[in-house]
C-alpha cells in the first residue's frame, strides 16, 4: 500500500492549516497514495512550541473536519488528520482517521502529554485503537508517546499493526540523535514500519522519516522543506517477531 507522510509547514492560522491539508491531500492523490498522515495538530497548530496559535474555535474545527472528510471521499484517499478537539470542556490532541469514502473510521487521542503541554490546557485522553485501511492494520502514537513511551508502539504491534504512524513536532533540539534513533528503536524492537511525520521547520535537525521493520531508514525528509514522502509499503515485511515474543506476564 502506498502511503504518504506530509511534512507540512507550520500553519499561521487554523484556516491555513486546512488549506495545507487540502493541498497535500491533492498532491497525495496525484502520487497515487492510499493513506496520508499529517503532523501533530496540523489544525490549528500545536501550542507551546514557539509559534502563535489562535484561540480554539470548535465550530471551525468541526467545519475543517467535515471538509477534510468530503475531500477524502472525492479523492478516494484515507487520511490521518491530527487536530485539537474539545469535548466536555477538555482540550485534547488527537488524530482522526478518515476512510477512503470520506467516513470517519475512528480517532486516537494523545494519552501521554508532555509535561510542558500541561500549561496550555491539553488534557490526556484514554484508550488505544487499531485501525485498518486496505487490509493494512496500523496504530497511532502521537509525538511524546512515541519518543518516551515505547509501550504505545509495542501495544499496537501486539494487536497486529504492521505500521505505527507518529504525528509529531520536533524543532531545534540539542539532541537530535535521540529522536532519530528513537524512530529506529520503535521499529526494530517490534519489527514493524514506523512512520514519523514532523513539520518543516527552521534549524530542523530531526525530520520526518519512514523506518523499515529491520531498522533501515527508507525515507528521510529534508529539513525546513515542505514535502510529501511517498513509499509503497509491503505489510508482510512487518513480521512483528520481537513484539510477539514479548512476555507481559513477566511484569
C-alpha atoms as a PDB file:
ATOM      1  CA  UNK A   1       0.000   0.000   0.000  1.00  0.00           C
ATOM      2  CA  UNK A   2       1.372   3.384  -0.977  1.00  0.00           C
ATOM      3  CA  UNK A   3       1.480   5.747   1.995  1.00  0.00           C
ATOM      4  CA  UNK A   4       2.266   9.458   2.215  1.00  0.00           C
ATOM      5  CA  UNK A   5       3.969  11.367   5.036  1.00  0.00           C
ATOM      6  CA  UNK A   6       3.112  15.065   4.808  1.00  0.00           C
ATOM      7  CA  UNK A   7       5.964  17.164   6.226  1.00  0.00           C
ATOM      8  CA  UNK A   8       3.963  20.396   6.159  1.00  0.00           C
ATOM      9  CA  UNK A   9       4.859  23.978   7.047  1.00  0.00           C
ATOM     10  CA  UNK A  10       3.552  25.181  10.411  1.00  0.00           C
ATOM     11  CA  UNK A  11       0.215  26.977   9.810  1.00  0.00           C
ATOM     12  CA  UNK A  12      -0.168  30.655  10.632  1.00  0.00           C
ATOM     13  CA  UNK A  13      -3.841  30.045  11.420  1.00  0.00           C
ATOM     14  CA  UNK A  14      -6.407  27.263  11.622  1.00  0.00           C
ATOM     15  CA  UNK A  15      -7.645  28.335   8.188  1.00  0.00           C
ATOM     16  CA  UNK A  16      -4.172  27.996   6.702  1.00  0.00           C
ATOM     17  CA  UNK A  17      -3.869  24.584   8.364  1.00  0.00           C
ATOM     18  CA  UNK A  18      -6.952  23.473   6.450  1.00  0.00           C
ATOM     19  CA  UNK A  19      -5.532  24.927   3.224  1.00  0.00           C
ATOM     20  CA  UNK A  20      -2.293  22.976   3.736  1.00  0.00           C
ATOM     21  CA  UNK A  21      -4.236  19.781   4.428  1.00  0.00           C
ATOM     22  CA  UNK A  22      -6.244  20.125   1.227  1.00  0.00           C
ATOM     23  CA  UNK A  23      -3.170  20.982  -0.874  1.00  0.00           C
ATOM     24  CA  UNK A  24      -1.246  17.974   0.357  1.00  0.00           C
ATOM     25  CA  UNK A  25      -4.230  15.635   0.055  1.00  0.00           C
ATOM     26  CA  UNK A  26      -4.472  16.538  -3.630  1.00  0.00           C
ATOM     27  CA  UNK A  27      -0.745  16.019  -4.075  1.00  0.00           C
ATOM     28  CA  UNK A  28      -1.016  12.624  -2.381  1.00  0.00           C
ATOM     29  CA  UNK A  29      -3.773  11.642  -4.784  1.00  0.00           C
ATOM     30  CA  UNK A  30      -1.630  12.678  -7.777  1.00  0.00           C
ATOM     31  CA  UNK A  31       1.131  10.449  -6.410  1.00  0.00           C
ATOM     32  CA  UNK A  32      -1.344   7.566  -6.018  1.00  0.00           C
ATOM     33  CA  UNK A  33      -1.213   7.334  -2.227  1.00  0.00           C
ATOM     34  CA  UNK A  34      -3.935   5.394  -0.443  1.00  0.00           C
ATOM     35  CA  UNK A  35      -3.206   6.659   3.084  1.00  0.00           C
ATOM     36  CA  UNK A  36      -1.807  10.051   4.108  1.00  0.00           C
ATOM     37  CA  UNK A  37      -0.614  11.205   7.547  1.00  0.00           C
ATOM     38  CA  UNK A  38      -0.084  14.798   8.769  1.00  0.00           C
ATOM     39  CA  UNK A  39       1.978  16.196  11.707  1.00  0.00           C
ATOM     40  CA  UNK A  40       0.630  16.696  15.211  1.00  0.00           C
ATOM     41  CA  UNK A  41      -2.235  19.204  15.471  1.00  0.00           C
ATOM     42  CA  UNK A  42      -1.936  20.473  11.884  1.00  0.00           C
ATOM     43  CA  UNK A  43      -5.226  22.294  12.553  1.00  0.00           C
ATOM     44  CA  UNK A  44      -4.825  24.828  14.152  1.00  0.00           C
ATOM     45  CA  UNK A  45      -1.154  24.176  15.059  1.00  0.00           C
ATOM     46  CA  UNK A  46       0.491  22.987  18.270  1.00  0.00           C
ATOM     47  CA  UNK A  47       0.656  25.338  21.277  1.00  0.00           C
ATOM     48  CA  UNK A  48       3.755  25.990  23.315  1.00  0.00           C
ATOM     49  CA  UNK A  49       6.372  25.334  20.637  1.00  0.00           C
ATOM     50  CA  UNK A  50       7.280  28.921  19.743  1.00  0.00           C
ATOM     51  CA  UNK A  51       4.536  29.761  17.250  1.00  0.00           C
ATOM     52  CA  UNK A  52       1.461  31.941  17.609  1.00  0.00           C
ATOM     53  CA  UNK A  53      -1.670  29.750  17.657  1.00  0.00           C
ATOM     54  CA  UNK A  54      -5.084  31.381  17.662  1.00  0.00           C
ATOM     55  CA  UNK A  55      -7.746  30.654  20.263  1.00  0.00           C
ATOM     56  CA  UNK A  56      -9.566  27.368  19.948  1.00  0.00           C
ATOM     57  CA  UNK A  57     -12.719  27.578  17.818  1.00  0.00           C
ATOM     58  CA  UNK A  58     -14.753  24.376  17.953  1.00  0.00           C
ATOM     59  CA  UNK A  59     -17.108  25.456  15.200  1.00  0.00           C
ATOM     60  CA  UNK A  60     -14.175  25.919  12.831  1.00  0.00           C
ATOM     61  CA  UNK A  61     -12.628  22.595  13.882  1.00  0.00           C
ATOM     62  CA  UNK A  62     -15.905  20.826  13.121  1.00  0.00           C
ATOM     63  CA  UNK A  63     -16.124  22.502   9.722  1.00  0.00           C
ATOM     64  CA  UNK A  64     -12.481  21.695   8.927  1.00  0.00           C
ATOM     65  CA  UNK A  65     -13.021  18.030   9.745  1.00  0.00           C
ATOM     66  CA  UNK A  66     -16.166  17.973   7.618  1.00  0.00           C
ATOM     67  CA  UNK A  67     -14.345  19.487   4.626  1.00  0.00           C
ATOM     68  CA  UNK A  68     -11.404  17.106   5.006  1.00  0.00           C
ATOM     69  CA  UNK A  69     -13.813  14.157   5.058  1.00  0.00           C
ATOM     70  CA  UNK A  70     -15.607  15.403   1.960  1.00  0.00           C
ATOM     71  CA  UNK A  71     -12.342  15.839   0.069  1.00  0.00           C
ATOM     72  CA  UNK A  72     -11.079  12.422   1.192  1.00  0.00           C
ATOM     73  CA  UNK A  73     -14.239  10.884  -0.264  1.00  0.00           C
ATOM     74  CA  UNK A  74     -13.819  12.747  -3.545  1.00  0.00           C
ATOM     75  CA  UNK A  75     -10.170  11.720  -3.847  1.00  0.00           C
ATOM     76  CA  UNK A  76     -10.702   8.167  -2.541  1.00  0.00           C
ATOM     77  CA  UNK A  77      -7.862   8.818  -0.084  1.00  0.00           C
ATOM     78  CA  UNK A  78      -7.654   7.690   3.544  1.00  0.00           C
ATOM     79  CA  UNK A  79      -6.245  10.345   5.894  1.00  0.00           C
ATOM     80  CA  UNK A  80      -4.793  10.538   9.392  1.00  0.00           C
ATOM     81  CA  UNK A  81      -5.670  14.082  10.455  1.00  0.00           C
ATOM     82  CA  UNK A  82      -4.235  15.291  13.794  1.00  0.00           C
ATOM     83  CA  UNK A  83      -6.170  18.185  15.347  1.00  0.00           C
ATOM     84  CA  UNK A  84      -7.079  19.931  18.563  1.00  0.00           C
ATOM     85  CA  UNK A  85     -10.509  18.806  19.717  1.00  0.00           C
ATOM     86  CA  UNK A  86     -12.530  19.915  22.724  1.00  0.00           C
ATOM     87  CA  UNK A  87     -15.044  17.685  24.457  1.00  0.00           C
ATOM     88  CA  UNK A  88     -16.843  18.299  27.734  1.00  0.00           C
ATOM     89  CA  UNK A  89     -14.652  21.323  28.339  1.00  0.00           C
ATOM     90  CA  UNK A  90     -11.408  19.324  27.885  1.00  0.00           C
ATOM     91  CA  UNK A  91      -8.939  20.158  25.125  1.00  0.00           C
ATOM     92  CA  UNK A  92      -7.385  17.060  23.576  1.00  0.00           C
ATOM     93  CA  UNK A  93      -4.723  16.422  20.996  1.00  0.00           C
ATOM     94  CA  UNK A  94      -5.927  13.621  18.775  1.00  0.00           C
ATOM     95  CA  UNK A  95      -5.787  12.166  15.295  1.00  0.00           C
ATOM     96  CA  UNK A  96      -8.912  11.439  13.298  1.00  0.00           C
ATOM     97  CA  UNK A  97      -8.754   8.568  10.818  1.00  0.00           C
ATOM     98  CA  UNK A  98     -10.831   9.148   7.694  1.00  0.00           C
ATOM     99  CA  UNK A  99     -11.760   6.308   5.345  1.00  0.00           C
ATOM    100  CA  UNK A 100     -11.268   6.432   1.578  1.00  0.00           C
ATOM    101  CA  UNK A 101     -15.028   7.003   1.238  1.00  0.00           C
ATOM    102  CA  UNK A 102     -14.889  10.086   3.470  1.00  0.00           C
ATOM    103  CA  UNK A 103     -16.410   8.464   6.543  1.00  0.00           C
ATOM    104  CA  UNK A 104     -14.746   8.638   9.939  1.00  0.00           C
ATOM    105  CA  UNK A 105     -13.132   5.336  10.886  1.00  0.00           C
ATOM    106  CA  UNK A 106     -12.194   6.485  14.377  1.00  0.00           C
ATOM    107  CA  UNK A 107      -9.692   8.542  16.330  1.00  0.00           C
ATOM    108  CA  UNK A 108      -6.705   8.203  18.620  1.00  0.00           C
ATOM    109  CA  UNK A 109      -6.188  10.622  21.490  1.00  0.00           C
ATOM    110  CA  UNK A 110      -2.787  11.600  22.850  1.00  0.00           C
ATOM    111  CA  UNK A 111      -2.784   9.879  26.213  1.00  0.00           C
ATOM    112  CA  UNK A 112       0.733  10.721  27.367  1.00  0.00           C
ATOM    113  CA  UNK A 113       1.062  14.501  27.494  1.00  0.00           C
ATOM    114  CA  UNK A 114       4.462  16.196  27.533  1.00  0.00           C
ATOM    115  CA  UNK A 115       4.906  17.994  30.900  1.00  0.00           C
ATOM    116  CA  UNK A 116       5.304  21.313  29.067  1.00  0.00           C
ATOM    117  CA  UNK A 117       1.889  20.908  27.457  1.00  0.00           C
ATOM    118  CA  UNK A 118       0.145  20.983  30.825  1.00  0.00           C
ATOM    119  CA  UNK A 119       0.491  24.780  30.747  1.00  0.00           C
ATOM    120  CA  UNK A 120      -1.556  25.105  27.559  1.00  0.00           C
ATOM    121  CA  UNK A 121      -4.643  23.287  28.703  1.00  0.00           C
ATOM    122  CA  UNK A 122      -4.111  19.979  26.932  1.00  0.00           C
ATOM    123  CA  UNK A 123      -5.686  17.030  28.746  1.00  0.00           C
ATOM    124  CA  UNK A 124      -4.661  13.396  28.149  1.00  0.00           C
ATOM    125  CA  UNK A 125      -7.193  11.072  26.591  1.00  0.00           C
ATOM    126  CA  UNK A 126      -7.539   7.369  27.285  1.00  0.00           C
ATOM    127  CA  UNK A 127      -7.751   4.130  25.350  1.00  0.00           C
ATOM    128  CA  UNK A 128      -5.865   2.934  22.296  1.00  0.00           C
ATOM    129  CA  UNK A 129      -7.185   1.749  18.943  1.00  0.00           C
ATOM    130  CA  UNK A 130      -6.097  -0.260  15.931  1.00  0.00           C
ATOM    131  CA  UNK A 131      -7.276   0.892  12.513  1.00  0.00           C
ATOM    132  CA  UNK A 132      -7.453  -0.910   9.180  1.00  0.00           C
ATOM    133  CA  UNK A 133      -7.342   0.544   5.669  1.00  0.00           C
ATOM    134  CA  UNK A 134      -6.971  -1.661   2.606  1.00  0.00           C
ATOM    135  CA  UNK A 135      -6.347  -4.746   4.788  1.00  0.00           C
ATOM    136  CA  UNK A 136      -3.403  -2.954   6.448  1.00  0.00           C
ATOM    137  CA  UNK A 137      -3.607  -2.651  10.226  1.00  0.00           C
ATOM    138  CA  UNK A 138      -1.964   0.348  11.869  1.00  0.00           C
ATOM    139  CA  UNK A 139      -1.730   2.188  15.159  1.00  0.00           C
ATOM    140  CA  UNK A 140      -1.037   5.824  16.056  1.00  0.00           C
ATOM    141  CA  UNK A 141       1.311   7.154  18.753  1.00  0.00           C
ATOM    142  CA  UNK A 142       1.345  10.952  18.986  1.00  0.00           C
ATOM    143  CA  UNK A 143       4.716  12.719  19.463  1.00  0.00           C
ATOM    144  CA  UNK A 144       5.790  12.412  23.147  1.00  0.00           C
ATOM    145  CA  UNK A 145       4.131   8.979  23.317  1.00  0.00           C
ATOM    146  CA  UNK A 146       6.341   7.529  20.600  1.00  0.00           C
ATOM    147  CA  UNK A 147       9.504   9.152  21.938  1.00  0.00           C
ATOM    148  CA  UNK A 148       9.286   8.329  25.615  1.00  0.00           C
ATOM    149  CA  UNK A 149       6.521   5.751  25.996  1.00  0.00           C
ATOM    150  CA  UNK A 150       7.541   2.855  23.733  1.00  0.00           C
ATOM    151  CA  UNK A 151       4.713   0.834  25.261  1.00  0.00           C
ATOM    152  CA  UNK A 152       2.316   2.725  22.987  1.00  0.00           C
ATOM    153  CA  UNK A 153       4.045   1.304  19.907  1.00  0.00           C
ATOM    154  CA  UNK A 154       4.502  -2.151  21.437  1.00  0.00           C
ATOM    155  CA  UNK A 155       0.770  -2.272  22.195  1.00  0.00           C
ATOM    156  CA  UNK A 156      -0.097  -1.633  18.539  1.00  0.00           C
ATOM    157  CA  UNK A 157       2.382  -4.260  17.382  1.00  0.00           C
ATOM    158  CA  UNK A 158       0.891  -6.788  19.800  1.00  0.00           C
ATOM    159  CA  UNK A 159      -2.517  -6.141  18.225  1.00  0.00           C
ATOM    160  CA  UNK A 160      -1.123  -6.974  14.783  1.00  0.00           C
ATOM    161  CA  UNK A 161      -0.339  -3.493  13.417  1.00  0.00           C
ATOM    162  CA  UNK A 162       2.233  -3.561  10.618  1.00  0.00           C
ATOM    163  CA  UNK A 163       2.674   0.240  10.737  1.00  0.00           C
ATOM    164  CA  UNK A 164       2.621   2.777  13.551  1.00  0.00           C
ATOM    165  CA  UNK A 165       2.141   6.374  12.435  1.00  0.00           C
ATOM    166  CA  UNK A 166       3.763   9.017  14.614  1.00  0.00           C
ATOM    167  CA  UNK A 167       2.422  12.557  14.082  1.00  0.00           C
ATOM    168  CA  UNK A 168       4.837  14.848  15.913  1.00  0.00           C
ATOM    169  CA  UNK A 169       6.574  18.198  16.349  1.00  0.00           C
ATOM    170  CA  UNK A 170      10.347  18.306  16.877  1.00  0.00           C
ATOM    171  CA  UNK A 171      12.101  21.638  16.381  1.00  0.00           C
ATOM    172  CA  UNK A 172      15.620  22.898  17.057  1.00  0.00           C
ATOM    173  CA  UNK A 173      16.629  20.312  19.665  1.00  0.00           C
ATOM    174  CA  UNK A 174      20.057  19.916  21.283  1.00  0.00           C
ATOM    175  CA  UNK A 175      19.988  16.126  20.995  1.00  0.00           C
ATOM    176  CA  UNK A 176      18.672  15.182  17.534  1.00  0.00           C
ATOM    177  CA  UNK A 177      20.358  11.792  17.857  1.00  0.00           C
ATOM    178  CA  UNK A 178      17.802  10.785  20.473  1.00  0.00           C
ATOM    179  CA  UNK A 179      14.877  11.495  18.154  1.00  0.00           C
ATOM    180  CA  UNK A 180      16.472   9.988  15.058  1.00  0.00           C
ATOM    181  CA  UNK A 181      17.482   6.786  16.804  1.00  0.00           C
ATOM    182  CA  UNK A 182      14.241   6.513  18.794  1.00  0.00           C
ATOM    183  CA  UNK A 183      12.459   6.076  15.444  1.00  0.00           C
ATOM    184  CA  UNK A 184      14.786   3.187  14.629  1.00  0.00           C
ATOM    185  CA  UNK A 185      14.273   1.676  18.089  1.00  0.00           C
ATOM    186  CA  UNK A 186      10.477   1.764  17.854  1.00  0.00           C
ATOM    187  CA  UNK A 187      10.697  -0.049  14.537  1.00  0.00           C
ATOM    188  CA  UNK A 188      13.424  -2.556  15.327  1.00  0.00           C
ATOM    189  CA  UNK A 189      12.205  -3.545  18.795  1.00  0.00           C
ATOM    190  CA  UNK A 190       8.836  -4.529  17.291  1.00  0.00           C
ATOM    191  CA  UNK A 191       9.720  -5.401  13.655  1.00  0.00           C
ATOM    192  CA  UNK A 192       7.168  -3.052  12.117  1.00  0.00           C
ATOM    193  CA  UNK A 193       7.175   0.072   9.937  1.00  0.00           C
ATOM    194  CA  UNK A 194       7.469   3.301  11.935  1.00  0.00           C
ATOM    195  CA  UNK A 195       6.245   6.385  10.069  1.00  0.00           C
ATOM    196  CA  UNK A 196       7.173   9.602  11.885  1.00  0.00           C
ATOM    197  CA  UNK A 197       5.663  12.811  10.487  1.00  0.00           C
ATOM    198  CA  UNK A 198       7.148  16.142  11.573  1.00  0.00           C
ATOM    199  CA  UNK A 199       6.629  19.735  10.416  1.00  0.00           C
ATOM    200  CA  UNK A 200       9.006  21.577   8.067  1.00  0.00           C
ATOM    201  CA  UNK A 201      10.873  23.864  10.494  1.00  0.00           C
ATOM    202  CA  UNK A 202      13.812  26.238  10.602  1.00  0.00           C
ATOM    203  CA  UNK A 203      17.021  24.889  12.163  1.00  0.00           C
ATOM    204  CA  UNK A 204      15.478  21.430  11.967  1.00  0.00           C
ATOM    205  CA  UNK A 205      17.800  18.561  12.908  1.00  0.00           C
ATOM    206  CA  UNK A 206      15.287  15.716  13.022  1.00  0.00           C
ATOM    207  CA  UNK A 207      12.811  15.372  10.160  1.00  0.00           C
ATOM    208  CA  UNK A 208      10.020  13.088   9.009  1.00  0.00           C
ATOM    209  CA  UNK A 209      11.142   9.545   8.283  1.00  0.00           C
ATOM    210  CA  UNK A 210       9.925   6.052   7.459  1.00  0.00           C
ATOM    211  CA  UNK A 211      11.786   3.200   9.141  1.00  0.00           C
ATOM    212  CA  UNK A 212      11.579  -0.429   7.988  1.00  0.00           C
ATOM    213  CA  UNK A 213      10.895  -3.412  10.284  1.00  0.00           C
ATOM    214  CA  UNK A 214      14.632  -4.133  10.221  1.00  0.00           C
ATOM    215  CA  UNK A 215      15.558  -0.577  11.286  1.00  0.00           C
ATOM    216  CA  UNK A 216      16.523   0.764   7.851  1.00  0.00           C
ATOM    217  CA  UNK A 217      15.758   4.406   7.093  1.00  0.00           C
ATOM    218  CA  UNK A 218      13.679   4.034   3.939  1.00  0.00           C
ATOM    219  CA  UNK A 219      12.797   7.738   3.627  1.00  0.00           C
ATOM    220  CA  UNK A 220      14.143  10.844   5.354  1.00  0.00           C
ATOM    221  CA  UNK A 221      12.764  14.322   4.648  1.00  0.00           C
ATOM    222  CA  UNK A 222      14.928  17.368   4.081  1.00  0.00           C
ATOM    223  CA  UNK A 223      14.989  19.968   6.885  1.00  0.00           C
ATOM    224  CA  UNK A 224      12.892  23.139   6.599  1.00  0.00           C
ATOM    225  CA  UNK A 225      11.217  21.791   3.451  1.00  0.00           C
ATOM    226  CA  UNK A 226       7.552  21.132   2.932  1.00  0.00           C
ATOM    227  CA  UNK A 227       7.410  17.843   1.081  1.00  0.00           C
ATOM    228  CA  UNK A 228       5.385  14.697   0.699  1.00  0.00           C
ATOM    229  CA  UNK A 229       7.294  11.474   1.308  1.00  0.00           C
ATOM    230  CA  UNK A 230       5.778   8.536  -0.561  1.00  0.00           C
ATOM    231  CA  UNK A 231       6.539   4.830  -0.180  1.00  0.00           C
ATOM    232  CA  UNK A 232       4.854   1.606  -1.243  1.00  0.00           C
ATOM    233  CA  UNK A 233       4.786  -0.414   1.976  1.00  0.00           C
ATOM    234  CA  UNK A 234       4.657  -4.210   1.900  1.00  0.00           C
ATOM    235  CA  UNK A 235       2.846  -5.067   5.164  1.00  0.00           C
ATOM    236  CA  UNK A 236       4.042  -8.670   5.103  1.00  0.00           C
ATOM    237  CA  UNK A 237       7.579  -7.407   5.779  1.00  0.00           C
ATOM    238  CA  UNK A 238       6.403  -6.346   9.238  1.00  0.00           C
ATOM    239  CA  UNK A 239       6.736  -9.815  10.774  1.00  0.00           C
ATOM    240  CA  UNK A 240       6.412  -8.477  14.353  1.00  0.00           C
ATOM    241  CA  UNK A 241       8.671 -11.242  15.681  1.00  0.00           C
ATOM    242  CA  UNK A 242      10.073  -9.379  18.674  1.00  0.00           C
ATOM    243  CA  UNK A 243       6.695  -7.894  19.605  1.00  0.00           C
ATOM    244  CA  UNK A 244       5.074 -11.322  19.506  1.00  0.00           C
ATOM    245  CA  UNK A 245       7.807 -12.817  21.712  1.00  0.00           C
ATOM    246  CA  UNK A 246       7.128 -10.271  24.459  1.00  0.00           C
ATOM    247  CA  UNK A 247       6.010 -11.890  27.742  1.00  0.00           C
ATOM    248  CA  UNK A 248       3.763  -9.374  29.552  1.00  0.00           C
ATOM    249  CA  UNK A 249       3.153 -11.867  32.370  1.00  0.00           C
ATOM    250  CA  UNK A 250       6.771 -11.338  33.481  1.00  0.00           C
ATOM    251  CA  UNK A 251       5.731  -7.882  34.685  1.00  0.00           C
END
